[in-house]
Amino acid sequence: MKNYTVTAIMLSMFAATVPVANYLIGNVGTMCIPDGPCLIPVGFGLMAPSGVLVIGLALVLRDWVHEKLGVWWAVLAVLIGATLSLGFSPASIAIASALAFLFSEIADTLVYSKLRNTSKPLAVLGSQVVGAILDSMLFVYIAFGSLDFSAGNSLAKIYAGAVVAAVMFIYSRKGRV
């Protein structure tokens, strides 16, 4: 596949994570709270809104888009995803998601930019942790008026970053990253 095709696919996947996650939050989970999120267990007795299944991937894809295309393309993908979300979830969820993504994008970009020349796996993991915590806290507070579930939400997102960082570390040892 040509580079531009791979880039278009990755950018589209990143933009799609926003509406998919927002749909999951309102429709899929082991328990759904009335006028609140549908939740899944994420370990250590913590629960998280089910959209976290996709957002952990989104934070990693965001770093890829940032690396290949630049931060403005990542912001554009978030805005496209947030707009698409309006068709799949309540406006309050779509708006909370967009705001949380945009603010966590800024923090993620700052951390990733500082670390990426030192170690890409470390940059992915570090930016993932910062982005996950900020995104989780902002999203659950804006969407549901509470910080409940932000710890579980952060933990689940960090799982995804840790897995990707580990894979990148292994490949970097083999000279592929």
N, C-alpha and C. Protein backbone atom coordinates (compact mmCIF):
# COMPACT_ATOMS: atom_id res chain seq x y z
N MET A 1 0.84 -1.18 0.00
CA MET A 1 0.00 0.00 0.00
C MET A 1 0.88 1.24 0.00
N LYS A 2 0.45 2.25 -0.69
CA LYS A 2 1.17 3.52 -0.73
C LYS A 2 1.09 4.19 0.63
N ASN A 3 2.09 5.03 0.93
CA ASN A 3 2.11 5.75 2.20
C ASN A 3 0.88 6.61 2.43
N TYR A 4 0.41 7.28 1.37
CA TYR A 4 -0.75 8.15 1.54
C TYR A 4 -2.01 7.34 1.85
N THR A 5 -2.10 6.11 1.37
CA THR A 5 -3.25 5.27 1.67
C THR A 5 -3.22 4.85 3.13
N VAL A 6 -2.05 4.43 3.61
CA VAL A 6 -1.90 4.06 5.03
C VAL A 6 -2.23 5.27 5.90
N THR A 7 -1.73 6.43 5.53
CA THR A 7 -1.98 7.65 6.29
C THR A 7 -3.47 7.96 6.34
N ALA A 8 -4.14 7.86 5.21
CA ALA A 8 -5.58 8.13 5.17
C ALA A 8 -6.35 7.13 6.04
N ILE A 9 -5.94 5.87 6.01
CA ILE A 9 -6.60 4.85 6.83
C ILE A 9 -6.40 5.15 8.31
N MET A 10 -5.18 5.47 8.72
CA MET A 10 -4.90 5.75 10.13
C MET A 10 -5.64 7.01 10.59
N LEU A 11 -5.66 8.03 9.77
CA LEU A 11 -6.37 9.27 10.11
C LEU A 11 -7.87 8.99 10.25
N SER A 12 -8.43 8.20 9.34
CA SER A 12 -9.84 7.84 9.40
C SER A 12 -10.15 7.00 10.63
N MET A 13 -9.26 6.05 10.94
CA MET A 13 -9.45 5.23 12.13
C MET A 13 -9.46 6.09 13.38
N PHE A 14 -8.53 7.04 13.45
CA PHE A 14 -8.47 7.93 14.61
C PHE A 14 -9.75 8.74 14.72
N ALA A 15 -10.21 9.33 13.63
CA ALA A 15 -11.45 10.12 13.66
C ALA A 15 -12.64 9.25 14.05
N ALA A 16 -12.66 8.00 13.59
CA ALA A 16 -13.78 7.10 13.88
C ALA A 16 -13.83 6.66 15.33
N THR A 17 -12.70 6.69 16.03
CA THR A 17 -12.71 6.24 17.43
C THR A 17 -13.62 7.11 18.29
N VAL A 18 -13.75 8.38 17.96
CA VAL A 18 -14.55 9.29 18.78
C VAL A 18 -16.03 8.89 18.74
N PRO A 19 -16.67 8.80 17.56
CA PRO A 19 -18.09 8.41 17.58
C PRO A 19 -18.32 6.98 18.06
N VAL A 20 -17.39 6.07 17.77
CA VAL A 20 -17.56 4.69 18.24
C VAL A 20 -17.53 4.66 19.76
N ALA A 21 -16.58 5.34 20.36
CA ALA A 21 -16.49 5.38 21.83
C ALA A 21 -17.74 6.01 22.43
N ASN A 22 -18.20 7.10 21.84
CA ASN A 22 -19.38 7.77 22.37
C ASN A 22 -20.63 6.91 22.23
N TYR A 23 -20.73 6.14 21.18
CA TYR A 23 -21.84 5.21 21.02
C TYR A 23 -21.79 4.14 22.13
N LEU A 24 -20.61 3.57 22.34
CA LEU A 24 -20.46 2.53 23.36
C LEU A 24 -20.88 3.03 24.74
N ILE A 25 -20.49 4.25 25.07
CA ILE A 25 -20.77 4.81 26.39
C ILE A 25 -22.27 4.78 26.70
N GLY A 26 -23.09 5.02 25.71
CA GLY A 26 -24.52 5.06 25.95
C GLY A 26 -25.25 3.75 25.69
N ASN A 27 -24.56 2.75 25.15
CA ASN A 27 -25.28 1.56 24.70
C ASN A 27 -24.69 0.21 25.08
N VAL A 28 -23.45 0.14 25.49
CA VAL A 28 -22.81 -1.16 25.72
C VAL A 28 -22.08 -1.15 27.07
N GLY A 29 -22.32 -2.16 27.86
CA GLY A 29 -21.62 -2.28 29.13
C GLY A 29 -22.19 -3.40 29.96
N THR A 30 -21.50 -3.74 31.03
CA THR A 30 -22.02 -4.77 31.93
C THR A 30 -23.10 -4.20 32.84
N MET A 31 -23.12 -2.87 32.98
CA MET A 31 -24.22 -2.19 33.67
C MET A 31 -24.32 -0.77 33.12
N CYS A 32 -25.55 -0.29 33.01
CA CYS A 32 -25.79 1.06 32.51
C CYS A 32 -26.51 1.86 33.57
N ILE A 33 -25.99 3.02 33.89
CA ILE A 33 -26.57 3.90 34.89
C ILE A 33 -27.60 4.79 34.19
N PRO A 34 -28.82 4.89 34.74
CA PRO A 34 -29.80 5.78 34.13
C PRO A 34 -29.25 7.22 34.05
N ASP A 35 -29.39 7.83 32.90
CA ASP A 35 -28.85 9.18 32.63
C ASP A 35 -27.34 9.25 32.87
N GLY A 36 -26.67 8.13 32.74
CA GLY A 36 -25.22 8.08 32.93
C GLY A 36 -24.62 7.10 31.94
N PRO A 37 -23.38 6.75 32.17
CA PRO A 37 -22.69 5.88 31.22
C PRO A 37 -23.00 4.40 31.43
N CYS A 38 -22.76 3.62 30.38
CA CYS A 38 -22.70 2.17 30.51
C CYS A 38 -21.26 1.86 30.91
N LEU A 39 -21.09 0.95 31.85
CA LEU A 39 -19.79 0.71 32.46
C LEU A 39 -19.30 -0.71 32.21
N ILE A 40 -17.96 -0.85 32.28
CA ILE A 40 -17.32 -2.15 32.21
C ILE A 40 -16.28 -2.23 33.33
N PRO A 41 -16.00 -3.42 33.85
CA PRO A 41 -14.93 -3.55 34.84
C PRO A 41 -13.57 -3.47 34.14
N VAL A 42 -12.62 -2.77 34.79
CA VAL A 42 -11.29 -2.62 34.18
C VAL A 42 -10.18 -3.13 35.09
N GLY A 43 -10.54 -3.73 36.19
CA GLY A 43 -9.54 -4.29 37.10
C GLY A 43 -9.43 -3.51 38.39
N PHE A 44 -8.92 -4.16 39.40
CA PHE A 44 -8.70 -3.55 40.71
C PHE A 44 -9.98 -2.98 41.31
N GLY A 45 -11.12 -3.59 40.96
CA GLY A 45 -12.40 -3.14 41.47
C GLY A 45 -12.91 -1.85 40.84
N LEU A 46 -12.26 -1.40 39.79
CA LEU A 46 -12.66 -0.15 39.14
C LEU A 46 -13.56 -0.41 37.94
N MET A 47 -14.45 0.53 37.71
CA MET A 47 -15.34 0.51 36.55
C MET A 47 -15.02 1.74 35.70
N ALA A 48 -15.31 1.62 34.40
CA ALA A 48 -15.07 2.75 33.49
C ALA A 48 -16.17 2.77 32.44
N PRO A 49 -16.49 3.97 31.93
CA PRO A 49 -17.42 4.02 30.80
C PRO A 49 -16.88 3.16 29.66
N SER A 50 -17.76 2.42 29.00
CA SER A 50 -17.34 1.42 28.01
C SER A 50 -16.62 2.00 26.80
N GLY A 51 -16.77 3.26 26.53
CA GLY A 51 -16.05 3.88 25.42
C GLY A 51 -14.55 3.79 25.56
N VAL A 52 -14.10 3.52 26.77
CA VAL A 52 -12.67 3.40 27.03
C VAL A 52 -12.04 2.27 26.21
N LEU A 53 -12.87 1.32 25.80
CA LEU A 53 -12.36 0.23 24.96
C LEU A 53 -11.75 0.76 23.67
N VAL A 54 -12.25 1.86 23.19
CA VAL A 54 -11.79 2.45 21.94
C VAL A 54 -10.84 3.62 22.18
N ILE A 55 -11.05 4.35 23.26
CA ILE A 55 -10.26 5.57 23.49
C ILE A 55 -8.80 5.25 23.79
N GLY A 56 -8.51 4.12 24.43
CA GLY A 56 -7.11 3.75 24.61
C GLY A 56 -6.40 3.63 23.27
N LEU A 57 -7.08 3.03 22.31
CA LEU A 57 -6.55 2.93 20.95
C LEU A 57 -6.45 4.32 20.33
N ALA A 58 -7.44 5.16 20.57
CA ALA A 58 -7.45 6.51 19.99
C ALA A 58 -6.24 7.32 20.43
N LEU A 59 -5.87 7.20 21.69
CA LEU A 59 -4.73 7.97 22.18
C LEU A 59 -3.43 7.54 21.51
N VAL A 60 -3.31 6.26 21.21
CA VAL A 60 -2.14 5.77 20.50
C VAL A 60 -2.17 6.21 19.03
N LEU A 61 -3.35 6.09 18.39
CA LEU A 61 -3.49 6.55 17.01
C LEU A 61 -3.21 8.04 16.90
N ARG A 62 -3.60 8.80 17.93
CA ARG A 62 -3.34 10.23 17.93
C ARG A 62 -1.84 10.50 17.85
N ASP A 63 -1.04 9.75 18.59
CA ASP A 63 0.41 9.92 18.51
C ASP A 63 0.92 9.59 17.11
N TRP A 64 0.36 8.55 16.49
CA TRP A 64 0.77 8.18 15.13
C TRP A 64 0.45 9.31 14.16
N VAL A 65 -0.77 9.84 14.24
CA VAL A 65 -1.17 10.95 13.36
C VAL A 65 -0.27 12.16 13.60
N HIS A 66 0.01 12.44 14.87
CA HIS A 66 0.89 13.56 15.21
C HIS A 66 2.26 13.36 14.60
N GLU A 67 2.79 12.16 14.71
CA GLU A 67 4.13 11.86 14.20
C GLU A 67 4.20 11.98 12.68
N LYS A 68 3.21 11.44 12.00
CA LYS A 68 3.24 11.39 10.53
C LYS A 68 2.73 12.66 9.86
N LEU A 69 1.72 13.30 10.45
CA LEU A 69 1.06 14.43 9.79
C LEU A 69 1.18 15.76 10.52
N GLY A 70 1.43 15.69 11.83
CA GLY A 70 1.51 16.92 12.61
C GLY A 70 0.29 17.10 13.50
N VAL A 71 0.44 17.98 14.45
CA VAL A 71 -0.58 18.17 15.48
C VAL A 71 -1.89 18.70 14.91
N TRP A 72 -1.84 19.54 13.89
CA TRP A 72 -3.08 20.12 13.36
C TRP A 72 -3.97 19.07 12.71
N TRP A 73 -3.37 18.06 12.09
CA TRP A 73 -4.16 16.97 11.54
C TRP A 73 -4.84 16.17 12.65
N ALA A 74 -4.13 16.00 13.77
CA ALA A 74 -4.72 15.30 14.91
C ALA A 74 -5.91 16.09 15.46
N VAL A 75 -5.75 17.40 15.57
CA VAL A 75 -6.86 18.24 16.05
C VAL A 75 -8.03 18.16 15.07
N LEU A 76 -7.74 18.22 13.78
CA LEU A 76 -8.79 18.13 12.76
C LEU A 76 -9.53 16.79 12.88
N ALA A 77 -8.81 15.71 13.09
CA ALA A 77 -9.44 14.39 13.23
C ALA A 77 -10.35 14.36 14.45
N VAL A 78 -9.94 14.99 15.56
CA VAL A 78 -10.78 15.06 16.75
C VAL A 78 -12.06 15.82 16.43
N LEU A 79 -11.95 16.95 15.74
CA LEU A 79 -13.13 17.75 15.41
C LEU A 79 -14.07 16.99 14.46
N ILE A 80 -13.51 16.27 13.50
CA ILE A 80 -14.34 15.45 12.61
C ILE A 80 -15.05 14.36 13.41
N GLY A 81 -14.30 13.71 14.27
CA GLY A 81 -14.89 12.66 15.11
C GLY A 81 -15.98 13.19 16.02
N ALA A 82 -15.75 14.36 16.60
CA ALA A 82 -16.75 14.96 17.49
C ALA A 82 -18.02 15.31 16.70
N THR A 83 -17.86 15.81 15.50
CA THR A 83 -19.01 16.13 14.65
C THR A 83 -19.79 14.87 14.31
N LEU A 84 -19.07 13.81 13.94
CA LEU A 84 -19.72 12.53 13.64
C LEU A 84 -20.45 11.98 14.87
N SER A 85 -19.89 12.24 16.05
CA SER A 85 -20.48 11.75 17.29
C SER A 85 -21.89 12.26 17.51
N LEU A 86 -22.18 13.44 17.01
CA LEU A 86 -23.52 14.00 17.20
C LEU A 86 -24.59 13.11 16.60
N GLY A 87 -24.23 12.28 15.63
CA GLY A 87 -25.19 11.36 15.04
C GLY A 87 -25.33 10.05 15.79
N PHE A 88 -24.43 9.77 16.75
CA PHE A 88 -24.42 8.49 17.44
C PHE A 88 -24.63 8.59 18.94
N SER A 89 -24.57 9.80 19.49
CA SER A 89 -24.66 9.94 20.94
C SER A 89 -25.29 11.29 21.28
N PRO A 90 -25.75 11.43 22.51
CA PRO A 90 -26.31 12.73 22.91
C PRO A 90 -25.28 13.85 22.76
N ALA A 91 -25.76 15.05 22.51
CA ALA A 91 -24.85 16.20 22.32
C ALA A 91 -23.94 16.39 23.52
N SER A 92 -24.44 16.16 24.73
CA SER A 92 -23.61 16.36 25.92
C SER A 92 -22.39 15.44 25.91
N ILE A 93 -22.58 14.21 25.45
CA ILE A 93 -21.47 13.25 25.36
C ILE A 93 -20.50 13.68 24.27
N ALA A 94 -21.03 14.05 23.10
CA ALA A 94 -20.17 14.47 21.99
C ALA A 94 -19.36 15.70 22.34
N ILE A 95 -19.97 16.66 22.99
CA ILE A 95 -19.27 17.91 23.38
C ILE A 95 -18.23 17.61 24.45
N ALA A 96 -18.60 16.83 25.45
CA ALA A 96 -17.64 16.47 26.51
C ALA A 96 -16.44 15.74 25.91
N SER A 97 -16.72 14.84 24.99
CA SER A 97 -15.67 14.07 24.34
C SER A 97 -14.74 14.98 23.55
N ALA A 98 -15.31 15.90 22.78
CA ALA A 98 -14.49 16.81 21.97
C ALA A 98 -13.62 17.70 22.85
N LEU A 99 -14.20 18.27 23.90
CA LEU A 99 -13.42 19.15 24.78
C LEU A 99 -12.31 18.38 25.49
N ALA A 100 -12.66 17.19 26.00
CA ALA A 100 -11.65 16.38 26.69
C ALA A 100 -10.53 15.99 25.74
N PHE A 101 -10.89 15.59 24.53
CA PHE A 101 -9.89 15.21 23.54
C PHE A 101 -8.99 16.39 23.19
N LEU A 102 -9.57 17.55 22.98
CA LEU A 102 -8.76 18.71 22.58
C LEU A 102 -7.78 19.12 23.67
N PHE A 103 -8.25 19.17 24.92
CA PHE A 103 -7.33 19.55 26.00
C PHE A 103 -6.28 18.47 26.26
N SER A 104 -6.70 17.21 26.18
CA SER A 104 -5.71 16.15 26.38
C SER A 104 -4.75 16.08 25.20
N GLU A 105 -5.21 16.48 24.01
CA GLU A 105 -4.33 16.55 22.83
C GLU A 105 -3.19 17.53 23.08
N ILE A 106 -3.50 18.66 23.67
CA ILE A 106 -2.46 19.66 23.96
C ILE A 106 -1.43 19.08 24.92
N ALA A 107 -1.92 18.47 26.01
CA ALA A 107 -1.00 17.89 26.99
C ALA A 107 -0.21 16.73 26.38
N ASP A 108 -0.89 15.86 25.65
CA ASP A 108 -0.25 14.72 24.99
C ASP A 108 0.84 15.20 24.04
N THR A 109 0.53 16.22 23.26
CA THR A 109 1.49 16.75 22.28
C THR A 109 2.73 17.30 22.97
N LEU A 110 2.54 18.02 24.06
CA LEU A 110 3.68 18.58 24.79
C LEU A 110 4.60 17.47 25.30
N VAL A 111 4.01 16.44 25.89
CA VAL A 111 4.81 15.34 26.44
C VAL A 111 5.46 14.54 25.29
N TYR A 112 4.67 14.20 24.28
CA TYR A 112 5.18 13.41 23.17
C TYR A 112 6.32 14.15 22.45
N SER A 113 6.13 15.44 22.22
CA SER A 113 7.15 16.24 21.53
C SER A 113 8.46 16.28 22.31
N LYS A 114 8.37 16.37 23.62
CA LYS A 114 9.57 16.41 24.46
C LYS A 114 10.32 15.08 24.46
N LEU A 115 9.58 13.98 24.41
CA LEU A 115 10.20 12.66 24.58
C LEU A 115 10.50 11.91 23.29
N ARG A 116 9.88 12.28 22.17
CA ARG A 116 9.95 11.43 20.98
C ARG A 116 11.35 11.29 20.41
N ASN A 117 12.22 12.27 20.58
CA ASN A 117 13.59 12.14 20.07
C ASN A 117 14.46 11.30 20.98
N THR A 118 14.05 11.14 22.22
CA THR A 118 14.77 10.30 23.17
C THR A 118 14.42 8.83 22.95
N SER A 119 13.10 8.56 22.93
CA SER A 119 12.62 7.19 22.78
C SER A 119 11.15 7.24 22.38
N LYS A 120 10.84 6.70 21.23
CA LYS A 120 9.43 6.71 20.79
C LYS A 120 8.55 5.87 21.72
N PRO A 121 8.98 4.68 22.14
CA PRO A 121 8.13 3.94 23.08
C PRO A 121 7.88 4.71 24.37
N LEU A 122 8.91 5.37 24.90
CA LEU A 122 8.73 6.18 26.11
C LEU A 122 7.81 7.36 25.83
N ALA A 123 7.94 7.97 24.66
CA ALA A 123 7.08 9.10 24.28
C ALA A 123 5.62 8.65 24.21
N VAL A 124 5.37 7.48 23.60
CA VAL A 124 4.00 6.97 23.51
C VAL A 124 3.45 6.70 24.90
N LEU A 125 4.23 6.02 25.74
CA LEU A 125 3.75 5.68 27.08
C LEU A 125 3.55 6.94 27.93
N GLY A 126 4.52 7.84 27.93
CA GLY A 126 4.41 9.06 28.73
C GLY A 126 3.26 9.94 28.31
N SER A 127 3.12 10.13 27.00
CA SER A 127 2.02 10.97 26.53
C SER A 127 0.69 10.27 26.75
N GLN A 128 0.68 8.94 26.67
CA GLN A 128 -0.54 8.17 26.92
C GLN A 128 -1.01 8.36 28.36
N VAL A 129 -0.08 8.28 29.31
CA VAL A 129 -0.45 8.43 30.72
C VAL A 129 -1.02 9.83 30.97
N VAL A 130 -0.32 10.85 30.51
CA VAL A 130 -0.79 12.22 30.72
C VAL A 130 -2.12 12.46 30.01
N GLY A 131 -2.18 12.06 28.74
CA GLY A 131 -3.41 12.24 27.97
C GLY A 131 -4.58 11.47 28.55
N ALA A 132 -4.33 10.25 28.99
CA ALA A 132 -5.40 9.40 29.54
C ALA A 132 -5.98 10.00 30.81
N ILE A 133 -5.12 10.45 31.70
CA ILE A 133 -5.61 11.01 32.97
C ILE A 133 -6.40 12.29 32.72
N LEU A 134 -5.83 13.19 31.92
CA LEU A 134 -6.52 14.45 31.65
C LEU A 134 -7.83 14.21 30.89
N ASP A 135 -7.79 13.38 29.85
CA ASP A 135 -8.99 13.08 29.08
C ASP A 135 -10.06 12.46 29.97
N SER A 136 -9.67 11.52 30.80
CA SER A 136 -10.63 10.83 31.67
C SER A 136 -11.30 11.77 32.65
N MET A 137 -10.50 12.60 33.30
CA MET A 137 -11.06 13.51 34.29
C MET A 137 -11.98 14.54 33.64
N LEU A 138 -11.53 15.13 32.55
CA LEU A 138 -12.35 16.13 31.88
C LEU A 138 -13.64 15.52 31.32
N PHE A 139 -13.51 14.37 30.65
CA PHE A 139 -14.69 13.78 30.04
C PHE A 139 -15.76 13.44 31.06
N VAL A 140 -15.41 12.68 32.09
CA VAL A 140 -16.45 12.26 33.04
C VAL A 140 -17.03 13.45 33.80
N TYR A 141 -16.20 14.47 34.05
CA TYR A 141 -16.73 15.64 34.77
C TYR A 141 -17.68 16.44 33.87
N ILE A 142 -17.27 16.71 32.64
CA ILE A 142 -18.11 17.50 31.72
C ILE A 142 -19.37 16.72 31.35
N ALA A 143 -19.24 15.44 31.06
CA ALA A 143 -20.39 14.64 30.61
C ALA A 143 -21.36 14.29 31.73
N PHE A 144 -20.82 14.00 32.93
CA PHE A 144 -21.67 13.47 33.99
C PHE A 144 -21.63 14.28 35.29
N GLY A 145 -20.86 15.38 35.32
CA GLY A 145 -20.83 16.25 36.49
C GLY A 145 -20.17 15.65 37.71
N SER A 146 -19.28 14.70 37.50
CA SER A 146 -18.64 14.00 38.61
C SER A 146 -17.31 13.42 38.13
N LEU A 147 -16.42 13.17 39.06
CA LEU A 147 -15.16 12.51 38.72
C LEU A 147 -15.23 11.00 38.94
N ASP A 148 -16.44 10.51 39.30
CA ASP A 148 -16.63 9.07 39.43
C ASP A 148 -16.21 8.41 38.12
N PHE A 149 -15.57 7.33 38.20
CA PHE A 149 -15.14 6.51 37.07
C PHE A 149 -13.93 7.07 36.33
N SER A 150 -13.38 8.22 36.76
CA SER A 150 -12.20 8.74 36.07
C SER A 150 -10.96 7.88 36.35
N ALA A 151 -10.86 7.30 37.54
CA ALA A 151 -9.71 6.44 37.83
C ALA A 151 -9.74 5.18 36.96
N GLY A 152 -10.90 4.54 36.88
CA GLY A 152 -11.02 3.35 36.03
C GLY A 152 -10.83 3.69 34.56
N ASN A 153 -11.36 4.82 34.16
CA ASN A 153 -11.22 5.28 32.78
C ASN A 153 -9.75 5.49 32.44
N SER A 154 -9.01 6.14 33.34
CA SER A 154 -7.57 6.38 33.13
C SER A 154 -6.81 5.07 33.05
N LEU A 155 -7.08 4.18 33.99
CA LEU A 155 -6.37 2.90 34.04
C LEU A 155 -6.55 2.11 32.74
N ALA A 156 -7.77 2.03 32.26
CA ALA A 156 -8.03 1.27 31.03
C ALA A 156 -7.31 1.89 29.83
N LYS A 157 -7.26 3.21 29.76
CA LYS A 157 -6.57 3.88 28.66
C LYS A 157 -5.06 3.64 28.74
N ILE A 158 -4.54 3.63 29.95
CA ILE A 158 -3.11 3.41 30.14
C ILE A 158 -2.73 1.98 29.74
N TYR A 159 -3.64 1.01 29.96
CA TYR A 159 -3.38 -0.35 29.51
C TYR A 159 -3.03 -0.35 28.02
N ALA A 160 -3.83 0.32 27.22
CA ALA A 160 -3.62 0.34 25.77
C ALA A 160 -2.27 0.96 25.43
N GLY A 161 -1.93 2.06 26.09
CA GLY A 161 -0.65 2.71 25.84
C GLY A 161 0.52 1.83 26.23
N ALA A 162 0.39 1.12 27.33
CA ALA A 162 1.46 0.24 27.79
C ALA A 162 1.70 -0.90 26.81
N VAL A 163 0.63 -1.46 26.29
CA VAL A 163 0.76 -2.55 25.32
C VAL A 163 1.46 -2.05 24.06
N VAL A 164 1.01 -0.91 23.54
CA VAL A 164 1.61 -0.37 22.32
C VAL A 164 3.07 0.01 22.57
N ALA A 165 3.36 0.64 23.70
CA ALA A 165 4.73 1.03 24.02
C ALA A 165 5.63 -0.21 24.13
N ALA A 166 5.11 -1.29 24.72
CA ALA A 166 5.89 -2.52 24.83
C ALA A 166 6.19 -3.10 23.45
N VAL A 167 5.19 -3.12 22.59
CA VAL A 167 5.40 -3.62 21.22
C VAL A 167 6.42 -2.74 20.50
N MET A 168 6.29 -1.42 20.64
CA MET A 168 7.25 -0.51 20.00
C MET A 168 8.66 -0.72 20.54
N PHE A 169 8.77 -0.96 21.84
CA PHE A 169 10.08 -1.20 22.45
C PHE A 169 10.72 -2.46 21.86
N ILE A 170 9.93 -3.50 21.74
CA ILE A 170 10.44 -4.76 21.17
C ILE A 170 10.89 -4.54 19.73
N TYR A 171 10.07 -3.87 18.94
CA TYR A 171 10.44 -3.60 17.55
C TYR A 171 11.62 -2.66 17.44
N SER A 172 11.74 -1.69 18.36
CA SER A 172 12.86 -0.76 18.30
C SER A 172 14.18 -1.49 18.60
N ARG A 173 14.11 -2.51 19.40
CA ARG A 173 15.30 -3.33 19.68
C ARG A 173 15.75 -4.09 18.44
N LYS A 174 14.77 -4.33 17.55
CA LYS A 174 15.07 -5.03 16.31
C LYS A 174 15.35 -4.05 15.17
N GLY A 175 15.35 -2.74 15.48
CA GLY A 175 15.64 -1.71 14.49
C GLY A 175 14.49 -1.40 13.55
N ARG A 176 13.26 -1.70 13.95
CA ARG A 176 12.11 -1.47 13.07
C ARG A 176 11.33 -0.21 13.40
N VAL A 177 11.55 0.41 14.54
CA VAL A 177 10.81 1.62 14.90
C VAL A 177 11.76 2.78 14.99
